[in-house]
């Protein structure tokens, strides 16, 4: 039973990584539409780019990305807990 739970959590972990990657690409693409030439590192510090901060759509999508990352961290904690 424990192995099945670990397998399920590992599957969800991989799925979360895929979702995060997809959302990261979406956020970066949108950021580049707003401010051409931005890099992944640039959008980690959006306060340096007022046009990003002022764009509600970009902030919404970036918020989704933050939520996905938070959920993923919680899942990883559960994975570690189940491994003990």
PDB file of N, CA and C in Angstrom:
ATOM      1  N   UNK A   1       0.817  -1.197   0.000  1.00  0.00           N
ATOM      2  CA  UNK A   1       0.000   0.000   0.000  1.00  0.00           C
ATOM      3  C   UNK A   1       0.862   1.263   0.000  1.00  0.00           C
ATOM      4  N   UNK A   2       1.903   1.299   0.847  1.00  0.00           N
ATOM      5  CA  UNK A   2       2.773   2.464   0.921  1.00  0.00           C
ATOM      6  C   UNK A   2       3.465   2.719  -0.412  1.00  0.00           C
ATOM      7  N   UNK A   3       3.842   1.659  -1.117  1.00  0.00           N
ATOM      8  CA  UNK A   3       4.489   1.817  -2.419  1.00  0.00           C
ATOM      9  C   UNK A   3       3.526   2.444  -3.424  1.00  0.00           C
ATOM     10  N   UNK A   4       2.281   2.050  -3.379  1.00  0.00           N
ATOM     11  CA  UNK A   4       1.278   2.614  -4.293  1.00  0.00           C
ATOM     12  C   UNK A   4       1.083   4.101  -4.025  1.00  0.00           C
ATOM     13  N   UNK A   5       1.085   4.488  -2.764  1.00  0.00           N
ATOM     14  CA  UNK A   5       0.936   5.904  -2.405  1.00  0.00           C
ATOM     15  C   UNK A   5       2.141   6.688  -2.896  1.00  0.00           C
ATOM     16  N   UNK A   6       3.331   6.141  -2.675  1.00  0.00           N
ATOM     17  CA  UNK A   6       4.548   6.818  -3.151  1.00  0.00           C
ATOM     18  C   UNK A   6       4.532   6.954  -4.661  1.00  0.00           C
ATOM     19  N   UNK A   7       4.106   5.921  -5.371  1.00  0.00           N
ATOM     20  CA  UNK A   7       4.035   5.973  -6.833  1.00  0.00           C
ATOM     21  C   UNK A   7       3.053   7.051  -7.296  1.00  0.00           C
ATOM     22  N   UNK A   8       1.931   7.131  -6.615  1.00  0.00           N
ATOM     23  CA  UNK A   8       0.936   8.142  -6.962  1.00  0.00           C
ATOM     24  C   UNK A   8       1.479   9.546  -6.707  1.00  0.00           C
ATOM     25  N   UNK A   9       2.115   9.730  -5.560  1.00  0.00           N
ATOM     26  CA  UNK A   9       2.700  11.040  -5.255  1.00  0.00           C
ATOM     27  C   UNK A   9       3.805  11.402  -6.248  1.00  0.00           C
ATOM     28  N   UNK A  10       4.594  10.422  -6.664  1.00  0.00           N
ATOM     29  CA  UNK A  10       5.653  10.667  -7.646  1.00  0.00           C
ATOM     30  C   UNK A  10       5.054  11.061  -8.990  1.00  0.00           C
ATOM     31  N   UNK A  11       3.953  10.425  -9.369  1.00  0.00           N
ATOM     32  CA  UNK A  11       3.270  10.783 -10.618  1.00  0.00           C
ATOM     33  C   UNK A  11       2.756  12.218 -10.541  1.00  0.00           C
ATOM     34  N   UNK A  12       2.147  12.564  -9.420  1.00  0.00           N
ATOM     35  CA  UNK A  12       1.633  13.928  -9.237  1.00  0.00           C
ATOM     36  C   UNK A  12       2.784  14.925  -9.241  1.00  0.00           C
ATOM     37  N   UNK A  13       3.916  14.544  -8.654  1.00  0.00           N
ATOM     38  CA  UNK A  13       5.103  15.408  -8.639  1.00  0.00           C
ATOM     39  C   UNK A  13       5.550  15.720 -10.065  1.00  0.00           C
ATOM     40  N   UNK A  14       5.614  14.702 -10.904  1.00  0.00           N
ATOM     41  CA  UNK A  14       6.015  14.914 -12.298  1.00  0.00           C
ATOM     42  C   UNK A  14       5.006  15.793 -13.029  1.00  0.00           C
ATOM     43  N   UNK A  15       3.738  15.566 -12.773  1.00  0.00           N
ATOM     44  CA  UNK A  15       2.699  16.378 -13.388  1.00  0.00           C
ATOM     45  C   UNK A  15       2.824  17.837 -12.956  1.00  0.00           C
ATOM     46  N   UNK A  16       3.079  18.063 -11.687  1.00  0.00           N
ATOM     47  CA  UNK A  16       3.259  19.435 -11.194  1.00  0.00           C
ATOM     48  C   UNK A  16       4.446  20.117 -11.873  1.00  0.00           C
ATOM     49  N   UNK A  17       5.536  19.376 -12.046  1.00  0.00           N
ATOM     50  CA  UNK A  17       6.697  19.951 -12.731  1.00  0.00           C
ATOM     51  C   UNK A  17       6.356  20.354 -14.162  1.00  0.00           C
ATOM     52  N   UNK A  18       5.574  19.541 -14.847  1.00  0.00           N
ATOM     53  CA  UNK A  18       5.141  19.872 -16.205  1.00  0.00           C
ATOM     54  C   UNK A  18       4.259  21.120 -16.207  1.00  0.00           C
ATOM     55  N   UNK A  19       3.342  21.200 -15.260  1.00  0.00           N
ATOM     56  CA  UNK A  19       2.456  22.352 -15.187  1.00  0.00           C
ATOM     57  C   UNK A  19       3.234  23.628 -14.876  1.00  0.00           C
ATOM     58  N   UNK A  20       4.209  23.520 -13.980  1.00  0.00           N
ATOM     59  CA  UNK A  20       5.033  24.679 -13.635  1.00  0.00           C
ATOM     60  C   UNK A  20       5.830  25.136 -14.849  1.00  0.00           C
ATOM     61  N   UNK A  21       6.413  24.202 -15.569  1.00  0.00           N
ATOM     62  CA  UNK A  21       7.183  24.568 -16.761  1.00  0.00           C
ATOM     63  C   UNK A  21       6.295  25.265 -17.791  1.00  0.00           C
ATOM     64  N   UNK A  22       5.113  24.735 -17.997  1.00  0.00           N
ATOM     65  CA  UNK A  22       4.188  25.339 -18.955  1.00  0.00           C
ATOM     66  C   UNK A  22       3.813  26.762 -18.515  1.00  0.00           C
ATOM     67  N   UNK A  23       3.541  26.947 -17.238  1.00  0.00           N
ATOM     68  CA  UNK A  23       3.167  28.277 -16.757  1.00  0.00           C
ATOM     69  C   UNK A  23       4.357  29.227 -16.790  1.00  0.00           C
ATOM     70  N   UNK A  24       5.555  28.740 -16.494  1.00  0.00           N
ATOM     71  CA  UNK A  24       6.755  29.584 -16.600  1.00  0.00           C
ATOM     72  C   UNK A  24       6.927  30.096 -18.023  1.00  0.00           C
ATOM     73  N   UNK A  25       6.714  29.213 -18.998  1.00  0.00           N
ATOM     74  CA  UNK A  25       6.821  29.630 -20.397  1.00  0.00           C
ATOM     75  C   UNK A  25       5.762  30.667 -20.744  1.00  0.00           C
ATOM     76  N   UNK A  26       4.558  30.468 -20.252  1.00  0.00           N
ATOM     77  CA  UNK A  26       3.467  31.410 -20.506  1.00  0.00           C
ATOM     78  C   UNK A  26       3.779  32.776 -19.909  1.00  0.00           C
ATOM     79  N   UNK A  27       4.272  32.787 -18.664  1.00  0.00           N
ATOM     80  CA  UNK A  27       4.608  34.040 -17.991  1.00  0.00           C
ATOM     81  C   UNK A  27       5.743  34.753 -18.720  1.00  0.00           C
ATOM     82  N   UNK A  28       6.747  34.013 -19.144  1.00  0.00           N
ATOM     83  CA  UNK A  28       7.870  34.623 -19.865  1.00  0.00           C
ATOM     84  C   UNK A  28       7.422  35.157 -21.222  1.00  0.00           C
ATOM     85  N   UNK A  29       6.625  34.389 -21.940  1.00  0.00           N
ATOM     86  CA  UNK A  29       6.128  34.857 -23.245  1.00  0.00           C
ATOM     87  C   UNK A  29       5.310  36.135 -23.091  1.00  0.00           C
ATOM     88  N   UNK A  30       4.442  36.162 -22.103  1.00  0.00           N
ATOM     89  CA  UNK A  30       3.624  37.349 -21.864  1.00  0.00           C
ATOM     90  C   UNK A  30       4.500  38.533 -21.461  1.00  0.00           C
ATOM     91  N   UNK A  31       5.491  38.279 -20.617  1.00  0.00           N
ATOM     92  CA  UNK A  31       6.406  39.344 -20.197  1.00  0.00           C
ATOM     93  C   UNK A  31       7.139  39.930 -21.401  1.00  0.00           C
ATOM     94  N   UNK A  32       7.533  39.073 -22.315  1.00  0.00           N
ATOM     95  CA  UNK A  32       8.245  39.552 -23.512  1.00  0.00           C
ATOM     96  C   UNK A  32       7.329  40.315 -24.466  1.00  0.00           C
ATOM     97  N   UNK A  33       6.042  40.036 -24.437  1.00  0.00           N
ATOM     98  CA  UNK A  33       5.101  40.831 -25.232  1.00  0.00           C
ATOM     99  C   UNK A  33       4.975  42.245 -24.648  1.00  0.00           C
ATOM    100  N   UNK A  34       5.061  42.326 -23.339  1.00  0.00           N
ATOM    101  CA  UNK A  34       4.942  43.605 -22.642  1.00  0.00           C
ATOM    102  C   UNK A  34       6.250  44.377 -22.704  1.00  0.00           C
ATOM    103  N   UNK A  35       7.344  43.665 -22.531  1.00  0.00           N
ATOM    104  CA  UNK A  35       8.676  44.286 -22.478  1.00  0.00           C
ATOM    105  C   UNK A  35       9.650  43.365 -23.227  1.00  0.00           C
ATOM    106  N   UNK A  36       9.810  43.563 -24.521  1.00  0.00           N
ATOM    107  CA  UNK A  36      10.655  42.669 -25.333  1.00  0.00           C
ATOM    108  C   UNK A  36      12.076  42.519 -24.781  1.00  0.00           C
ATOM    109  N   UNK A  37      12.580  41.295 -24.905  1.00  0.00           N
ATOM    110  CA  UNK A  37      13.959  41.023 -24.532  1.00  0.00           C
ATOM    111  C   UNK A  37      14.163  40.564 -23.095  1.00  0.00           C
ATOM    112  N   UNK A  38      13.088  40.474 -22.317  1.00  0.00           N
ATOM    113  CA  UNK A  38      13.260  40.040 -20.930  1.00  0.00           C
ATOM    114  C   UNK A  38      13.720  38.589 -20.867  1.00  0.00           C
ATOM    115  N   UNK A  39      14.473  38.288 -19.826  1.00  0.00           N
ATOM    116  CA  UNK A  39      14.961  36.930 -19.600  1.00  0.00           C
ATOM    117  C   UNK A  39      14.209  36.302 -18.428  1.00  0.00           C
ATOM    118  N   UNK A  40      14.425  35.018 -18.248  1.00  0.00           N
ATOM    119  CA  UNK A  40      13.834  34.320 -17.111  1.00  0.00           C
ATOM    120  C   UNK A  40      14.282  34.974 -15.806  1.00  0.00           C
ATOM    121  N   UNK A  41      15.529  35.340 -15.735  1.00  0.00           N
ATOM    122  CA  UNK A  41      16.045  36.003 -14.537  1.00  0.00           C
ATOM    123  C   UNK A  41      15.368  37.352 -14.319  1.00  0.00           C
ATOM    124  N   UNK A  42      15.127  38.092 -15.380  1.00  0.00           N
ATOM    125  CA  UNK A  42      14.471  39.394 -15.263  1.00  0.00           C
ATOM    126  C   UNK A  42      13.103  39.287 -14.600  1.00  0.00           C
ATOM    127  N   UNK A  43      12.326  38.278 -14.989  1.00  0.00           N
ATOM    128  CA  UNK A  43      10.971  38.205 -14.436  1.00  0.00           C
ATOM    129  C   UNK A  43      10.941  37.668 -13.013  1.00  0.00           C
ATOM    130  N   UNK A  44      12.073  37.218 -12.518  1.00  0.00           N
ATOM    131  CA  UNK A  44      12.155  36.857 -11.096  1.00  0.00           C
ATOM    132  C   UNK A  44      12.212  38.116 -10.234  1.00  0.00           C
ATOM    133  N   UNK A  45      12.532  39.239 -10.874  1.00  0.00           N
ATOM    134  CA  UNK A  45      12.595  40.546 -10.199  1.00  0.00           C
ATOM    135  C   UNK A  45      11.712  41.534 -10.958  1.00  0.00           C
ATOM    136  N   UNK A  46      10.408  41.292 -10.990  1.00  0.00           N
ATOM    137  CA  UNK A  46       9.540  42.127 -11.825  1.00  0.00           C
ATOM    138  C   UNK A  46       9.460  43.578 -11.366  1.00  0.00           C
ATOM    139  N   UNK A  47       9.803  43.843 -10.100  1.00  0.00           N
ATOM    140  CA  UNK A  47       9.766  45.228  -9.620  1.00  0.00           C
ATOM    141  C   UNK A  47      10.751  46.120 -10.366  1.00  0.00           C
ATOM    142  N   UNK A  48      11.693  45.517 -11.073  1.00  0.00           N
ATOM    143  CA  UNK A  48      12.637  46.291 -11.884  1.00  0.00           C
ATOM    144  C   UNK A  48      12.013  46.768 -13.191  1.00  0.00           C
ATOM    145  N   UNK A  49      10.809  46.284 -13.504  1.00  0.00           N
ATOM    146  CA  UNK A  49      10.163  46.600 -14.773  1.00  0.00           C
ATOM    147  C   UNK A  49       8.735  47.068 -14.494  1.00  0.00           C
ATOM    148  N   UNK A  50       8.568  48.384 -14.432  1.00  0.00           N
ATOM    149  CA  UNK A  50       7.267  48.938 -14.047  1.00  0.00           C
ATOM    150  C   UNK A  50       6.145  48.523 -14.997  1.00  0.00           C
ATOM    151  N   UNK A  51       6.486  48.301 -16.277  1.00  0.00           N
ATOM    152  CA  UNK A  51       5.441  47.895 -17.217  1.00  0.00           C
ATOM    153  C   UNK A  51       4.891  46.504 -16.885  1.00  0.00           C
ATOM    154  N   UNK A  52       5.704  45.641 -16.299  1.00  0.00           N
ATOM    155  CA  UNK A  52       5.201  44.335 -15.851  1.00  0.00           C
ATOM    156  C   UNK A  52       4.303  44.498 -14.629  1.00  0.00           C
ATOM    157  N   UNK A  53       4.786  45.244 -13.662  1.00  0.00           N
ATOM    158  CA  UNK A  53       4.050  45.423 -12.417  1.00  0.00           C
ATOM    159  C   UNK A  53       2.687  46.055 -12.683  1.00  0.00           C
ATOM    160  N   UNK A  54       2.597  46.915 -13.658  1.00  0.00           N
ATOM    161  CA  UNK A  54       1.350  47.612 -13.957  1.00  0.00           C
ATOM    162  C   UNK A  54       0.394  46.790 -14.812  1.00  0.00           C
ATOM    163  N   UNK A  55       0.829  45.630 -15.289  1.00  0.00           N
ATOM    164  CA  UNK A  55      -0.003  44.818 -16.167  1.00  0.00           C
ATOM    165  C   UNK A  55      -0.750  43.755 -15.351  1.00  0.00           C
ATOM    166  N   UNK A  56      -2.061  43.923 -15.255  1.00  0.00           N
ATOM    167  CA  UNK A  56      -2.881  43.018 -14.459  1.00  0.00           C
ATOM    168  C   UNK A  56      -2.867  41.587 -14.957  1.00  0.00           C
ATOM    169  N   UNK A  57      -2.862  41.402 -16.257  1.00  0.00           N
ATOM    170  CA  UNK A  57      -2.860  40.048 -16.815  1.00  0.00           C
ATOM    171  C   UNK A  57      -1.559  39.343 -16.470  1.00  0.00           C
ATOM    172  N   UNK A  58      -0.438  40.034 -16.615  1.00  0.00           N
ATOM    173  CA  UNK A  58       0.847  39.420 -16.284  1.00  0.00           C
ATOM    174  C   UNK A  58       0.891  39.059 -14.797  1.00  0.00           C
ATOM    175  N   UNK A  59       0.427  39.971 -13.950  1.00  0.00           N
ATOM    176  CA  UNK A  59       0.422  39.689 -12.513  1.00  0.00           C
ATOM    177  C   UNK A  59      -0.458  38.498 -12.180  1.00  0.00           C
ATOM    178  N   UNK A  60      -1.592  38.361 -12.855  1.00  0.00           N
ATOM    179  CA  UNK A  60      -2.474  37.221 -12.637  1.00  0.00           C
ATOM    180  C   UNK A  60      -1.759  35.918 -12.991  1.00  0.00           C
ATOM    181  N   UNK A  61      -1.151  35.874 -14.180  1.00  0.00           N
ATOM    182  CA  UNK A  61      -0.454  34.659 -14.627  1.00  0.00           C
ATOM    183  C   UNK A  61       0.740  34.345 -13.737  1.00  0.00           C
ATOM    184  N   UNK A  62       1.451  35.374 -13.289  1.00  0.00           N
ATOM    185  CA  UNK A  62       2.578  35.168 -12.380  1.00  0.00           C
ATOM    186  C   UNK A  62       2.077  34.643 -11.036  1.00  0.00           C
ATOM    187  N   UNK A  63       0.914  35.081 -10.609  1.00  0.00           N
ATOM    188  CA  UNK A  63       0.313  34.573  -9.380  1.00  0.00           C
ATOM    189  C   UNK A  63      -0.051  33.098  -9.490  1.00  0.00           C
ATOM    190  N   UNK A  64      -0.551  32.703 -10.654  1.00  0.00           N
ATOM    191  CA  UNK A  64      -0.835  31.278 -10.879  1.00  0.00           C
ATOM    192  C   UNK A  64       0.453  30.478 -10.761  1.00  0.00           C
ATOM    193  N   UNK A  65       1.527  30.985 -11.352  1.00  0.00           N
ATOM    194  CA  UNK A  65       2.822  30.308 -11.268  1.00  0.00           C
ATOM    195  C   UNK A  65       3.274  30.174  -9.810  1.00  0.00           C
ATOM    196  N   UNK A  66       3.121  31.227  -9.045  1.00  0.00           N
ATOM    197  CA  UNK A  66       3.502  31.168  -7.621  1.00  0.00           C
ATOM    198  C   UNK A  66       2.673  30.124  -6.876  1.00  0.00           C
ATOM    199  N   UNK A  67       1.378  30.048  -7.188  1.00  0.00           N
ATOM    200  CA  UNK A  67       0.519  29.054  -6.554  1.00  0.00           C
ATOM    201  C   UNK A  67       0.922  27.636  -6.897  1.00  0.00           C
ATOM    202  N   UNK A  68       1.253  27.415  -8.163  1.00  0.00           N
ATOM    203  CA  UNK A  68       1.704  26.085  -8.579  1.00  0.00           C
ATOM    204  C   UNK A  68       2.985  25.691  -7.859  1.00  0.00           C
ATOM    205  N   UNK A  69       3.899  26.644  -7.742  1.00  0.00           N
ATOM    206  CA  UNK A  69       5.161  26.353  -7.056  1.00  0.00           C
ATOM    207  C   UNK A  69       4.932  26.063  -5.573  1.00  0.00           C
ATOM    208  N   UNK A  70       4.019  26.793  -4.952  1.00  0.00           N
ATOM    209  CA  UNK A  70       3.704  26.546  -3.542  1.00  0.00           C
ATOM    210  C   UNK A  70       3.089  25.168  -3.348  1.00  0.00           C
ATOM    211  N   UNK A  71       2.150  24.820  -4.228  1.00  0.00           N
ATOM    212  CA  UNK A  71       1.518  23.496  -4.143  1.00  0.00           C
ATOM    213  C   UNK A  71       2.556  22.403  -4.350  1.00  0.00           C
ATOM    214  N   UNK A  72       3.488  22.638  -5.254  1.00  0.00           N
ATOM    215  CA  UNK A  72       4.527  21.649  -5.519  1.00  0.00           C
ATOM    216  C   UNK A  72       5.424  21.450  -4.295  1.00  0.00           C
ATOM    217  N   UNK A  73       5.763  22.546  -3.631  1.00  0.00           N
ATOM    218  CA  UNK A  73       6.586  22.419  -2.415  1.00  0.00           C
ATOM    219  C   UNK A  73       5.854  21.612  -1.346  1.00  0.00           C
ATOM    220  N   UNK A  74       4.549  21.839  -1.208  1.00  0.00           N
ATOM    221  CA  UNK A  74       3.767  21.073  -0.229  1.00  0.00           C
ATOM    222  C   UNK A  74       3.746  19.597  -0.601  1.00  0.00           C
ATOM    223  N   UNK A  75       3.610  19.311  -1.875  1.00  0.00           N
ATOM    224  CA  UNK A  75       3.628  17.922  -2.345  1.00  0.00           C
ATOM    225  C   UNK A  75       4.972  17.274  -2.070  1.00  0.00           C
ATOM    226  N   UNK A  76       6.057  18.000  -2.349  1.00  0.00           N
ATOM    227  CA  UNK A  76       7.385  17.457  -2.085  1.00  0.00           C
ATOM    228  C   UNK A  76       7.573  17.151  -0.602  1.00  0.00           C
ATOM    229  N   UNK A  77       7.053  18.015   0.261  1.00  0.00           N
ATOM    230  CA  UNK A  77       7.144  17.758   1.697  1.00  0.00           C
ATOM    231  C   UNK A  77       6.400  16.471   2.046  1.00  0.00           C
ATOM    232  N   UNK A  78       5.251  16.268   1.428  1.00  0.00           N
ATOM    233  CA  UNK A  78       4.472  15.051   1.677  1.00  0.00           C
ATOM    234  C   UNK A  78       5.226  13.828   1.165  1.00  0.00           C
ATOM    235  N   UNK A  79       5.881  13.960   0.008  1.00  0.00           N
ATOM    236  CA  UNK A  79       6.692  12.871  -0.525  1.00  0.00           C
ATOM    237  C   UNK A  79       7.789  12.481   0.449  1.00  0.00           C
ATOM    238  N   UNK A  80       8.483  13.464   0.970  1.00  0.00           N
ATOM    239  CA  UNK A  80       9.557  13.198   1.920  1.00  0.00           C
ATOM    240  C   UNK A  80       9.013  12.548   3.188  1.00  0.00           C
ATOM    241  N   UNK A  81       7.867  13.019   3.635  1.00  0.00           N
ATOM    242  CA  UNK A  81       7.230  12.463   4.833  1.00  0.00           C
ATOM    243  C   UNK A  81       6.853  10.989   4.616  1.00  0.00           C
ATOM    244  N   UNK A  82       6.352  10.680   3.438  1.00  0.00           N
ATOM    245  CA  UNK A  82       5.913   9.300   3.156  1.00  0.00           C
ATOM    246  C   UNK A  82       7.106   8.364   2.965  1.00  0.00           C
ATOM    247  N   UNK A  83       8.278   8.928   2.679  1.00  0.00           N
ATOM    248  CA  UNK A  83       9.468   8.098   2.480  1.00  0.00           C
ATOM    249  C   UNK A  83      10.060   7.629   3.808  1.00  0.00           C
ATOM    250  N   UNK A  84       9.662   8.287   4.872  1.00  0.00           N
ATOM    251  CA  UNK A  84      10.221   7.943   6.204  1.00  0.00           C
ATOM    252  C   UNK A  84       9.579   6.723   6.793  1.00  0.00           C
TER     253      UNK A  84
END
